[in-house]
N, C-alpha and C. Protein backbone atom coordinates (compact mmCIF):
# COMPACT_ATOMS: atom_id res chain seq x y z
N MET A 1 -31.14 136.29 23.67
CA MET A 1 -30.76 135.45 22.57
C MET A 1 -31.99 134.78 22.00
N ALA A 2 -31.99 134.62 20.71
CA ALA A 2 -33.13 133.96 20.06
C ALA A 2 -32.91 132.46 20.06
N GLU A 3 -33.99 131.77 19.82
CA GLU A 3 -33.90 130.31 19.82
C GLU A 3 -33.02 129.82 18.70
N ASP A 4 -32.95 130.53 17.59
CA ASP A 4 -32.16 130.12 16.42
C ASP A 4 -30.67 130.18 16.71
N ASP A 5 -30.24 131.06 17.64
CA ASP A 5 -28.82 131.17 17.96
C ASP A 5 -28.32 129.93 18.67
N ASP A 6 -29.15 129.22 19.39
CA ASP A 6 -28.72 128.02 20.13
C ASP A 6 -28.59 126.80 19.23
N VAL A 7 -29.23 126.80 18.07
CA VAL A 7 -29.20 125.65 17.18
C VAL A 7 -27.93 125.72 16.35
N PRO A 8 -27.07 124.67 16.41
CA PRO A 8 -25.86 124.68 15.60
C PRO A 8 -26.22 124.56 14.13
N THR A 9 -25.42 125.21 13.30
CA THR A 9 -25.69 125.20 11.86
C THR A 9 -24.56 124.48 11.16
N GLY A 10 -24.80 124.15 9.90
CA GLY A 10 -23.78 123.48 9.10
C GLY A 10 -23.99 121.97 9.12
N ASP A 11 -23.47 121.30 8.09
CA ASP A 11 -23.54 119.85 7.94
C ASP A 11 -24.98 119.35 7.94
N GLY A 12 -25.94 120.17 7.57
CA GLY A 12 -27.32 119.71 7.48
C GLY A 12 -27.94 119.40 8.82
N VAL A 13 -27.45 120.05 9.89
CA VAL A 13 -27.96 119.77 11.23
C VAL A 13 -29.41 120.16 11.33
N GLU A 14 -29.76 121.30 10.72
CA GLU A 14 -31.14 121.77 10.82
C GLU A 14 -32.10 120.80 10.12
N GLU A 15 -31.67 120.29 8.94
CA GLU A 15 -32.54 119.35 8.24
C GLU A 15 -32.73 118.08 9.06
N ARG A 16 -31.62 117.58 9.67
CA ARG A 16 -31.72 116.37 10.47
C ARG A 16 -32.58 116.61 11.70
N ALA A 17 -32.50 117.80 12.28
CA ALA A 17 -33.32 118.11 13.45
C ALA A 17 -34.80 118.10 13.07
N GLU A 18 -35.09 118.68 11.90
CA GLU A 18 -36.48 118.70 11.47
C GLU A 18 -36.98 117.28 11.18
N GLU A 19 -36.11 116.44 10.55
CA GLU A 19 -36.51 115.08 10.25
C GLU A 19 -36.78 114.29 11.53
N SER A 20 -35.86 114.43 12.52
CA SER A 20 -36.07 113.68 13.75
C SER A 20 -37.27 114.23 14.53
N ALA A 21 -37.54 115.52 14.39
CA ALA A 21 -38.72 116.08 15.04
C ALA A 21 -39.98 115.50 14.40
N GLU A 22 -39.94 115.35 13.05
CA GLU A 22 -41.09 114.78 12.36
C GLU A 22 -41.28 113.31 12.76
N GLU A 23 -40.13 112.59 12.89
CA GLU A 23 -40.21 111.18 13.30
C GLU A 23 -40.82 111.05 14.69
N SER A 24 -40.38 111.95 15.59
CA SER A 24 -40.92 111.86 16.95
C SER A 24 -42.40 112.26 16.96
N ALA A 25 -42.80 113.13 16.01
CA ALA A 25 -44.20 113.52 15.94
C ALA A 25 -45.04 112.37 15.38
N GLU A 26 -44.42 111.53 14.49
CA GLU A 26 -45.15 110.42 13.92
C GLU A 26 -45.35 109.29 14.92
N GLU A 27 -44.45 109.20 15.92
CA GLU A 27 -44.57 108.15 16.92
C GLU A 27 -45.85 108.38 17.74
N PRO A 28 -46.53 107.30 18.08
CA PRO A 28 -47.76 107.48 18.85
C PRO A 28 -47.43 108.01 20.25
N ALA A 29 -48.10 109.02 20.63
CA ALA A 29 -47.90 109.61 21.95
C ALA A 29 -49.03 109.15 22.86
N ASP A 30 -48.80 109.31 24.16
CA ASP A 30 -49.84 108.93 25.12
C ASP A 30 -51.05 109.85 24.96
N ASP A 31 -50.76 111.11 24.71
CA ASP A 31 -51.83 112.10 24.60
C ASP A 31 -51.91 112.56 23.15
N PRO A 32 -53.02 112.29 22.43
CA PRO A 32 -53.10 112.68 21.03
C PRO A 32 -53.15 114.19 20.83
N ALA A 33 -53.57 114.93 21.80
CA ALA A 33 -53.69 116.38 21.67
C ALA A 33 -52.39 117.09 22.06
N ARG A 34 -51.36 116.35 22.36
CA ARG A 34 -50.09 116.92 22.85
C ARG A 34 -49.34 117.61 21.72
N GLN A 35 -48.75 118.74 21.98
CA GLN A 35 -47.96 119.53 21.04
C GLN A 35 -46.49 119.39 21.40
N ASP A 36 -45.59 119.50 20.39
CA ASP A 36 -44.15 119.49 20.67
C ASP A 36 -43.78 120.74 21.44
N ASP A 37 -43.03 120.54 22.49
CA ASP A 37 -42.56 121.70 23.26
C ASP A 37 -41.05 121.84 23.04
N GLY A 38 -40.41 122.69 23.76
CA GLY A 38 -38.98 122.97 23.63
C GLY A 38 -38.11 121.75 23.93
N LEU A 39 -38.56 120.94 24.89
CA LEU A 39 -37.79 119.76 25.27
C LEU A 39 -37.74 118.76 24.11
N ASP A 40 -38.83 118.55 23.42
CA ASP A 40 -38.85 117.64 22.26
C ASP A 40 -37.95 118.16 21.15
N LEU A 41 -37.97 119.47 20.93
CA LEU A 41 -37.11 120.08 19.93
C LEU A 41 -35.64 119.91 20.30
N ALA A 42 -35.32 120.09 21.57
CA ALA A 42 -33.93 119.91 22.03
C ALA A 42 -33.50 118.46 21.84
N ARG A 43 -34.37 117.50 22.12
CA ARG A 43 -34.04 116.08 21.92
C ARG A 43 -33.79 115.79 20.44
N ALA A 44 -34.61 116.37 19.59
CA ALA A 44 -34.47 116.16 18.15
C ALA A 44 -33.13 116.73 17.65
N ILE A 45 -32.78 117.90 18.14
CA ILE A 45 -31.51 118.52 17.74
C ILE A 45 -30.34 117.68 18.25
N THR A 46 -30.45 117.17 19.47
CA THR A 46 -29.38 116.34 20.03
C THR A 46 -29.21 115.07 19.21
N ARG A 47 -30.31 114.43 18.83
CA ARG A 47 -30.22 113.22 18.01
C ARG A 47 -29.59 113.53 16.65
N ALA A 48 -29.95 114.68 16.09
CA ALA A 48 -29.43 115.04 14.76
C ALA A 48 -27.94 115.36 14.81
N THR A 49 -27.50 115.99 15.89
CA THR A 49 -26.08 116.37 15.98
C THR A 49 -25.22 115.28 16.60
N ALA A 50 -25.82 114.23 17.10
CA ALA A 50 -25.05 113.17 17.78
C ALA A 50 -24.05 112.52 16.83
N GLY A 51 -24.39 112.42 15.55
CA GLY A 51 -23.49 111.79 14.59
C GLY A 51 -22.35 112.68 14.17
N SER A 52 -22.40 113.97 14.48
CA SER A 52 -21.35 114.87 14.02
C SER A 52 -20.32 115.20 15.09
N THR A 53 -20.43 114.60 16.27
CA THR A 53 -19.43 114.85 17.31
C THR A 53 -18.16 114.06 16.99
N PRO A 54 -17.01 114.50 17.49
CA PRO A 54 -15.76 113.79 17.19
C PRO A 54 -15.78 112.33 17.65
N VAL A 55 -16.39 112.05 18.79
CA VAL A 55 -16.44 110.68 19.28
C VAL A 55 -17.26 109.81 18.33
N ALA A 56 -18.39 110.31 17.88
CA ALA A 56 -19.24 109.55 16.97
C ALA A 56 -18.55 109.33 15.64
N ARG A 57 -17.82 110.34 15.15
CA ARG A 57 -17.09 110.18 13.90
C ARG A 57 -16.03 109.11 14.02
N ASN A 58 -15.33 109.06 15.15
CA ASN A 58 -14.32 108.02 15.37
C ASN A 58 -14.97 106.64 15.40
N ARG A 59 -16.15 106.54 16.03
CA ARG A 59 -16.84 105.26 16.05
C ARG A 59 -17.19 104.79 14.65
N ARG A 60 -17.65 105.72 13.84
CA ARG A 60 -17.99 105.37 12.45
C ARG A 60 -16.75 104.93 11.69
N ARG A 61 -15.63 105.61 11.89
CA ARG A 61 -14.39 105.23 11.21
C ARG A 61 -13.95 103.84 11.60
N THR A 62 -14.01 103.50 12.89
CA THR A 62 -13.58 102.17 13.32
C THR A 62 -14.52 101.10 12.76
N LYS A 63 -15.81 101.40 12.63
CA LYS A 63 -16.73 100.45 12.02
C LYS A 63 -16.37 100.26 10.55
N ASP A 64 -16.03 101.34 9.85
CA ASP A 64 -15.66 101.26 8.45
C ASP A 64 -14.39 100.44 8.28
N ARG A 65 -13.42 100.63 9.16
CA ARG A 65 -12.14 99.92 9.07
C ARG A 65 -12.30 98.44 9.35
N SER A 66 -13.23 98.08 10.22
CA SER A 66 -13.37 96.67 10.56
C SER A 66 -13.75 95.85 9.34
N GLY A 67 -14.40 96.42 8.36
CA GLY A 67 -14.74 95.71 7.14
C GLY A 67 -13.53 95.48 6.26
N ARG A 68 -12.51 96.31 6.37
CA ARG A 68 -11.32 96.19 5.53
C ARG A 68 -10.32 95.19 6.06
N GLY A 69 -10.41 94.74 7.30
CA GLY A 69 -9.44 93.80 7.85
C GLY A 69 -8.63 94.45 8.95
N ARG A 70 -7.74 93.63 9.50
CA ARG A 70 -6.92 94.13 10.59
C ARG A 70 -5.85 95.07 10.07
N VAL A 71 -5.43 95.96 10.95
CA VAL A 71 -4.34 96.87 10.63
C VAL A 71 -3.05 96.24 11.12
N SER A 72 -2.04 96.25 10.28
CA SER A 72 -0.77 95.66 10.67
C SER A 72 -0.14 96.49 11.78
N GLY A 73 0.29 95.83 12.80
CA GLY A 73 0.87 96.52 13.94
C GLY A 73 2.37 96.28 14.00
N ALA A 74 2.88 96.23 15.22
CA ALA A 74 4.31 96.07 15.42
C ALA A 74 4.77 94.63 15.22
N HIS A 75 3.85 93.68 15.22
CA HIS A 75 4.23 92.28 15.10
C HIS A 75 4.23 91.86 13.63
N PRO A 76 5.05 90.87 13.26
CA PRO A 76 5.09 90.41 11.87
C PRO A 76 3.73 89.87 11.44
N ASP A 77 3.43 90.09 10.17
CA ASP A 77 2.15 89.73 9.62
C ASP A 77 2.36 89.30 8.17
N ASP A 78 1.42 88.52 7.59
CA ASP A 78 1.55 88.11 6.19
C ASP A 78 1.48 89.27 5.23
N ARG A 79 0.88 90.37 5.66
CA ARG A 79 0.74 91.53 4.79
C ARG A 79 1.97 92.42 4.82
N ASP A 80 2.90 92.16 5.72
CA ASP A 80 4.12 92.96 5.78
C ASP A 80 5.01 92.61 4.58
N PRO A 81 5.90 93.51 4.20
CA PRO A 81 6.83 93.18 3.12
C PRO A 81 7.65 91.95 3.49
N GLN A 82 7.80 91.02 2.54
CA GLN A 82 8.51 89.77 2.78
C GLN A 82 9.77 89.74 1.93
N LEU A 83 10.74 88.96 2.37
CA LEU A 83 11.94 88.75 1.58
C LEU A 83 11.59 87.91 0.37
N LEU A 84 12.30 88.11 -0.72
CA LEU A 84 12.02 87.39 -1.95
C LEU A 84 12.22 85.89 -1.77
N ASP A 85 13.24 85.50 -1.01
CA ASP A 85 13.51 84.09 -0.76
C ASP A 85 12.32 83.43 -0.06
N THR A 86 11.77 84.08 0.94
CA THR A 86 10.63 83.53 1.68
C THR A 86 9.41 83.40 0.78
N THR A 87 9.16 84.41 -0.02
CA THR A 87 8.00 84.41 -0.91
C THR A 87 8.12 83.31 -1.96
N LEU A 88 9.31 83.17 -2.55
CA LEU A 88 9.51 82.14 -3.57
C LEU A 88 9.42 80.74 -2.98
N SER A 89 9.98 80.54 -1.77
CA SER A 89 9.87 79.20 -1.15
C SER A 89 8.42 78.85 -0.87
N ARG A 90 7.62 79.82 -0.43
CA ARG A 90 6.20 79.56 -0.19
C ARG A 90 5.49 79.21 -1.49
N LEU A 91 5.82 79.91 -2.58
CA LEU A 91 5.23 79.64 -3.89
C LEU A 91 5.59 78.23 -4.37
N VAL A 92 6.86 77.85 -4.23
CA VAL A 92 7.31 76.52 -4.66
C VAL A 92 6.62 75.44 -3.83
N ASP A 93 6.50 75.64 -2.52
CA ASP A 93 5.84 74.65 -1.66
C ASP A 93 4.35 74.53 -1.99
N ASP A 94 3.70 75.65 -2.25
CA ASP A 94 2.26 75.63 -2.55
C ASP A 94 1.96 74.86 -3.83
N HIS A 95 2.85 74.98 -4.83
CA HIS A 95 2.59 74.35 -6.12
C HIS A 95 3.27 72.99 -6.28
N GLY A 96 4.10 72.58 -5.31
CA GLY A 96 4.75 71.28 -5.39
C GLY A 96 5.84 71.20 -6.44
N TRP A 97 6.57 72.28 -6.62
CA TRP A 97 7.60 72.34 -7.66
C TRP A 97 8.99 71.99 -7.14
N GLU A 98 9.11 71.58 -5.90
CA GLU A 98 10.42 71.41 -5.29
C GLU A 98 11.29 70.39 -6.05
N LEU A 99 10.75 69.21 -6.33
CA LEU A 99 11.51 68.18 -7.03
C LEU A 99 11.88 68.63 -8.44
N ASP A 100 10.92 69.24 -9.15
CA ASP A 100 11.19 69.71 -10.52
C ASP A 100 12.33 70.72 -10.53
N LEU A 101 12.32 71.64 -9.57
CA LEU A 101 13.38 72.64 -9.52
C LEU A 101 14.73 72.01 -9.20
N ARG A 102 14.72 71.04 -8.30
CA ARG A 102 15.99 70.37 -7.99
C ARG A 102 16.52 69.60 -9.20
N VAL A 103 15.63 68.92 -9.93
CA VAL A 103 16.06 68.17 -11.12
C VAL A 103 16.62 69.11 -12.17
N HIS A 104 15.93 70.21 -12.42
CA HIS A 104 16.43 71.15 -13.42
C HIS A 104 17.70 71.84 -12.94
N GLY A 105 17.86 71.97 -11.63
CA GLY A 105 19.12 72.48 -11.09
C GLY A 105 20.26 71.51 -11.38
N VAL A 106 19.96 70.21 -11.32
CA VAL A 106 20.97 69.20 -11.66
C VAL A 106 21.31 69.29 -13.14
N PHE A 107 20.31 69.48 -13.99
CA PHE A 107 20.57 69.63 -15.42
C PHE A 107 21.50 70.82 -15.67
N GLY A 108 21.28 71.90 -14.93
CA GLY A 108 22.11 73.09 -15.09
C GLY A 108 23.52 72.89 -14.55
N ARG A 109 23.69 72.03 -13.54
CA ARG A 109 25.01 71.79 -12.95
C ARG A 109 25.56 70.42 -13.35
N TRP A 110 25.16 69.92 -14.48
CA TRP A 110 25.55 68.58 -14.92
C TRP A 110 27.06 68.41 -14.94
N ALA A 111 27.78 69.37 -15.51
CA ALA A 111 29.25 69.28 -15.61
C ALA A 111 29.89 69.21 -14.23
N GLU A 112 29.36 69.95 -13.29
CA GLU A 112 29.89 69.96 -11.92
C GLU A 112 29.65 68.62 -11.22
N LEU A 113 28.53 67.99 -11.50
CA LEU A 113 28.17 66.75 -10.82
C LEU A 113 28.87 65.51 -11.38
N VAL A 114 29.00 65.42 -12.70
CA VAL A 114 29.57 64.21 -13.30
C VAL A 114 31.01 64.38 -13.76
N GLY A 115 31.48 65.59 -13.76
CA GLY A 115 32.85 65.83 -14.22
C GLY A 115 32.84 66.45 -15.60
N ALA A 116 33.86 67.23 -15.89
CA ALA A 116 33.92 67.99 -17.15
C ALA A 116 34.02 67.08 -18.37
N GLU A 117 34.83 66.04 -18.28
CA GLU A 117 35.03 65.17 -19.44
C GLU A 117 33.77 64.40 -19.80
N VAL A 118 33.10 63.83 -18.82
CA VAL A 118 31.85 63.10 -19.08
C VAL A 118 30.79 64.07 -19.59
N ALA A 119 30.74 65.27 -19.03
CA ALA A 119 29.72 66.25 -19.42
C ALA A 119 29.91 66.73 -20.86
N ARG A 120 31.17 66.70 -21.37
CA ARG A 120 31.40 67.11 -22.76
C ARG A 120 30.75 66.12 -23.73
N HIS A 121 30.61 64.87 -23.33
CA HIS A 121 30.12 63.84 -24.25
C HIS A 121 28.72 63.34 -23.91
N CYS A 122 28.19 63.70 -22.74
CA CYS A 122 26.86 63.23 -22.32
C CYS A 122 26.02 64.39 -21.81
N THR A 123 24.76 64.42 -22.19
CA THR A 123 23.86 65.48 -21.70
C THR A 123 22.55 64.86 -21.23
N PRO A 124 22.03 65.35 -20.10
CA PRO A 124 20.72 64.83 -19.65
C PRO A 124 19.61 65.40 -20.52
N GLU A 125 18.65 64.55 -20.87
CA GLU A 125 17.55 65.00 -21.73
C GLU A 125 16.21 65.07 -21.01
N ALA A 126 15.92 64.10 -20.16
CA ALA A 126 14.61 64.07 -19.51
C ALA A 126 14.69 63.35 -18.19
N PHE A 127 13.73 63.68 -17.31
CA PHE A 127 13.61 63.00 -16.03
C PHE A 127 12.13 62.79 -15.75
N ALA A 128 11.74 61.53 -15.52
CA ALA A 128 10.35 61.22 -15.18
C ALA A 128 10.31 59.91 -14.41
N ASP A 129 9.57 59.90 -13.32
CA ASP A 129 9.34 58.69 -12.51
C ASP A 129 10.63 58.01 -12.08
N GLY A 130 11.62 58.78 -11.70
CA GLY A 130 12.89 58.23 -11.21
C GLY A 130 13.81 57.75 -12.31
N ARG A 131 13.45 58.02 -13.54
CA ARG A 131 14.25 57.56 -14.69
C ARG A 131 14.88 58.77 -15.39
N LEU A 132 16.18 58.80 -15.44
CA LEU A 132 16.93 59.89 -16.08
C LEU A 132 17.42 59.41 -17.44
N VAL A 133 17.08 60.12 -18.50
CA VAL A 133 17.52 59.79 -19.86
C VAL A 133 18.71 60.67 -20.18
N VAL A 134 19.84 60.02 -20.54
CA VAL A 134 21.07 60.74 -20.87
C VAL A 134 21.46 60.39 -22.30
N ARG A 135 21.73 61.40 -23.12
CA ARG A 135 22.13 61.21 -24.52
C ARG A 135 23.64 61.37 -24.61
N THR A 136 24.29 60.43 -25.28
CA THR A 136 25.74 60.50 -25.49
C THR A 136 26.03 60.85 -26.94
N ASP A 137 27.25 61.32 -27.22
CA ASP A 137 27.58 61.70 -28.60
C ASP A 137 28.24 60.58 -29.39
N SER A 138 28.49 59.45 -28.76
CA SER A 138 29.02 58.29 -29.48
C SER A 138 28.64 57.01 -28.74
N THR A 139 28.72 55.90 -29.45
CA THR A 139 28.39 54.63 -28.81
C THR A 139 29.44 54.24 -27.78
N ALA A 140 30.67 54.68 -27.99
CA ALA A 140 31.73 54.38 -27.02
C ALA A 140 31.41 55.07 -25.68
N TRP A 141 30.97 56.32 -25.74
CA TRP A 141 30.59 57.02 -24.50
C TRP A 141 29.32 56.44 -23.90
N ALA A 142 28.44 55.90 -24.72
CA ALA A 142 27.24 55.26 -24.19
C ALA A 142 27.64 54.04 -23.36
N THR A 143 28.58 53.27 -23.85
CA THR A 143 29.07 52.11 -23.09
C THR A 143 29.75 52.56 -21.81
N GLN A 144 30.58 53.58 -21.92
CA GLN A 144 31.30 54.10 -20.75
C GLN A 144 30.31 54.58 -19.68
N LEU A 145 29.27 55.29 -20.11
CA LEU A 145 28.30 55.82 -19.15
C LEU A 145 27.49 54.68 -18.51
N ARG A 146 27.22 53.63 -19.26
CA ARG A 146 26.52 52.47 -18.66
C ARG A 146 27.35 51.87 -17.54
N LEU A 147 28.68 51.87 -17.70
CA LEU A 147 29.56 51.35 -16.66
C LEU A 147 29.62 52.30 -15.45
N LEU A 148 29.50 53.61 -15.72
CA LEU A 148 29.55 54.61 -14.64
C LEU A 148 28.19 54.86 -13.99
N ALA A 149 27.13 54.26 -14.50
CA ALA A 149 25.77 54.55 -14.06
C ALA A 149 25.56 54.43 -12.56
N PRO A 150 26.03 53.36 -11.87
CA PRO A 150 25.80 53.30 -10.42
C PRO A 150 26.44 54.46 -9.66
N THR A 151 27.62 54.89 -10.08
CA THR A 151 28.29 56.02 -9.42
C THR A 151 27.52 57.32 -9.67
N VAL A 152 27.05 57.51 -10.90
CA VAL A 152 26.30 58.73 -11.24
C VAL A 152 24.98 58.76 -10.49
N VAL A 153 24.30 57.62 -10.38
CA VAL A 153 23.03 57.54 -9.64
C VAL A 153 23.26 57.92 -8.18
N ARG A 154 24.31 57.37 -7.58
CA ARG A 154 24.60 57.69 -6.18
C ARG A 154 24.87 59.18 -6.00
N ARG A 155 25.64 59.77 -6.92
CA ARG A 155 25.97 61.21 -6.82
C ARG A 155 24.72 62.07 -7.00
N LEU A 156 23.86 61.70 -7.93
CA LEU A 156 22.62 62.47 -8.15
C LEU A 156 21.68 62.35 -6.96
N ASN A 157 21.60 61.17 -6.36
CA ASN A 157 20.73 61.00 -5.19
C ASN A 157 21.25 61.76 -3.98
N GLU A 158 22.55 61.98 -3.90
CA GLU A 158 23.09 62.83 -2.83
C GLU A 158 22.59 64.27 -2.99
N GLU A 159 22.47 64.71 -4.23
CA GLU A 159 22.01 66.08 -4.51
C GLU A 159 20.50 66.21 -4.41
N LEU A 160 19.76 65.22 -4.92
CA LEU A 160 18.30 65.34 -5.03
C LEU A 160 17.55 64.70 -3.87
N GLY A 161 18.18 63.84 -3.12
CA GLY A 161 17.48 63.11 -2.08
C GLY A 161 17.44 61.64 -2.42
N HIS A 162 17.52 60.81 -1.41
CA HIS A 162 17.62 59.36 -1.60
C HIS A 162 16.41 58.81 -2.36
N GLY A 163 16.69 58.02 -3.40
CA GLY A 163 15.63 57.36 -4.16
C GLY A 163 15.02 58.19 -5.25
N THR A 164 15.52 59.40 -5.49
CA THR A 164 14.94 60.24 -6.53
C THR A 164 15.26 59.69 -7.91
N VAL A 165 16.51 59.37 -8.16
CA VAL A 165 16.92 58.78 -9.43
C VAL A 165 17.13 57.29 -9.17
N THR A 166 16.36 56.46 -9.86
CA THR A 166 16.50 55.01 -9.67
C THR A 166 17.19 54.35 -10.85
N LEU A 167 17.11 54.97 -12.03
CA LEU A 167 17.65 54.34 -13.22
C LEU A 167 18.17 55.40 -14.18
N ILE A 168 19.32 55.14 -14.77
CA ILE A 168 19.83 56.01 -15.83
C ILE A 168 19.69 55.24 -17.13
N GLU A 169 18.91 55.80 -18.03
CA GLU A 169 18.73 55.21 -19.35
C GLU A 169 19.67 55.92 -20.31
N VAL A 170 20.60 55.20 -20.86
CA VAL A 170 21.62 55.79 -21.74
C VAL A 170 21.17 55.62 -23.18
N ALA A 171 21.10 56.72 -23.90
CA ALA A 171 20.73 56.71 -25.31
C ALA A 171 21.96 57.09 -26.12
N GLY A 172 22.15 56.36 -27.20
CA GLY A 172 23.30 56.63 -28.08
C GLY A 172 23.07 57.88 -28.90
N PRO A 173 23.99 58.14 -29.81
CA PRO A 173 23.88 59.35 -30.63
C PRO A 173 22.70 59.26 -31.60
N HIS A 174 22.23 60.41 -32.04
CA HIS A 174 21.20 60.46 -33.06
C HIS A 174 21.87 60.11 -34.39
N LEU A 175 21.46 59.03 -34.99
CA LEU A 175 22.08 58.57 -36.23
C LEU A 175 21.13 58.78 -37.39
N PRO A 176 21.69 58.91 -38.58
CA PRO A 176 20.80 59.01 -39.74
C PRO A 176 20.10 57.68 -39.98
N SER A 177 18.90 57.77 -40.53
CA SER A 177 18.13 56.57 -40.80
C SER A 177 18.54 56.02 -42.17
N TRP A 178 18.73 54.71 -42.24
CA TRP A 178 19.09 54.07 -43.50
C TRP A 178 17.87 53.35 -44.07
N LYS A 179 16.71 53.67 -43.57
CA LYS A 179 15.50 52.98 -44.02
C LYS A 179 14.86 53.64 -45.24
N LYS A 180 15.35 54.79 -45.65
CA LYS A 180 14.73 55.51 -46.75
C LYS A 180 15.68 55.54 -47.95
N GLY A 181 15.12 55.75 -49.10
CA GLY A 181 15.94 55.87 -50.30
C GLY A 181 15.65 54.76 -51.30
N PRO A 182 16.12 54.99 -52.54
CA PRO A 182 15.81 54.02 -53.60
C PRO A 182 16.54 52.67 -53.45
N ARG A 183 17.68 52.66 -52.78
CA ARG A 183 18.46 51.43 -52.70
C ARG A 183 18.48 50.84 -51.29
N SER A 184 17.50 51.16 -50.45
CA SER A 184 17.49 50.60 -49.11
C SER A 184 17.00 49.16 -49.15
N ALA A 185 17.60 48.32 -48.35
CA ALA A 185 17.20 46.91 -48.30
C ALA A 185 16.15 46.74 -47.22
N ARG A 186 15.16 45.97 -47.55
CA ARG A 186 14.09 45.71 -46.61
C ARG A 186 14.64 44.89 -45.45
N ASP A 187 14.28 45.29 -44.22
CA ASP A 187 14.78 44.66 -43.00
C ASP A 187 16.30 44.73 -42.88
N GLY A 188 16.92 45.64 -43.61
CA GLY A 188 18.37 45.81 -43.52
C GLY A 188 18.71 46.69 -42.31
N ARG A 189 19.85 46.44 -41.70
CA ARG A 189 20.23 47.20 -40.51
C ARG A 189 21.11 48.39 -40.85
N GLY A 190 21.36 48.65 -42.07
CA GLY A 190 22.20 49.76 -42.46
C GLY A 190 23.67 49.39 -42.33
N PRO A 191 24.55 50.36 -42.46
CA PRO A 191 25.96 50.06 -42.36
C PRO A 191 26.34 49.61 -40.94
N ARG A 192 27.40 48.87 -40.82
CA ARG A 192 27.81 48.35 -39.53
C ARG A 192 28.72 49.29 -38.76
N ASP A 193 28.83 50.47 -39.20
CA ASP A 193 29.70 51.46 -38.56
C ASP A 193 29.06 51.95 -37.26
N THR A 194 29.88 52.29 -36.25
CA THR A 194 29.34 52.77 -34.98
C THR A 194 29.38 54.29 -34.84
N TYR A 195 29.86 55.00 -35.78
CA TYR A 195 29.93 56.45 -35.79
C TYR A 195 30.68 57.00 -34.57
N GLY A 196 31.69 56.38 -34.21
CA GLY A 196 32.38 57.02 -33.11
C GLY A 196 33.38 56.18 -32.47
């Protein structure tokens, strides 16, 4: 058999063997007159082919994977598919939207919380700093809601948590302004009608 038959071919093994042989030749040797023999060539070929063995390839793959992060296994992980409820609760908690969502939930369930009759005549408009603004469709309902305010506050705090709503500000109906026009009286209060 010739020496060339023992050298594996493919994947640039021959080029790598020559490169490593050149590197070993560049290294200072004890004897400057020393020539490369068969043993040095065999070492060079072994170094060149060491990266192409299955074990070495697996080592390279695990090094590559370590940069990408851990692989999800049999145990639950943040990267595993999550239920929509869990994901949304985490999002709400992270952004501090819990109170806002509960308040808007109350706005959506207003009729259920205060009763159908009161809800037909009163609608919540705004909530800020524990103050709920409710608009009524007549002054009579505004008076009625002012009388019901402690009961409504208690019911809303049961839904939202104690101390969330501290005050209900009742606003009457939107009325036309009597301050404009050619015959308006200065400092006049307009007609004495209550519109309702």
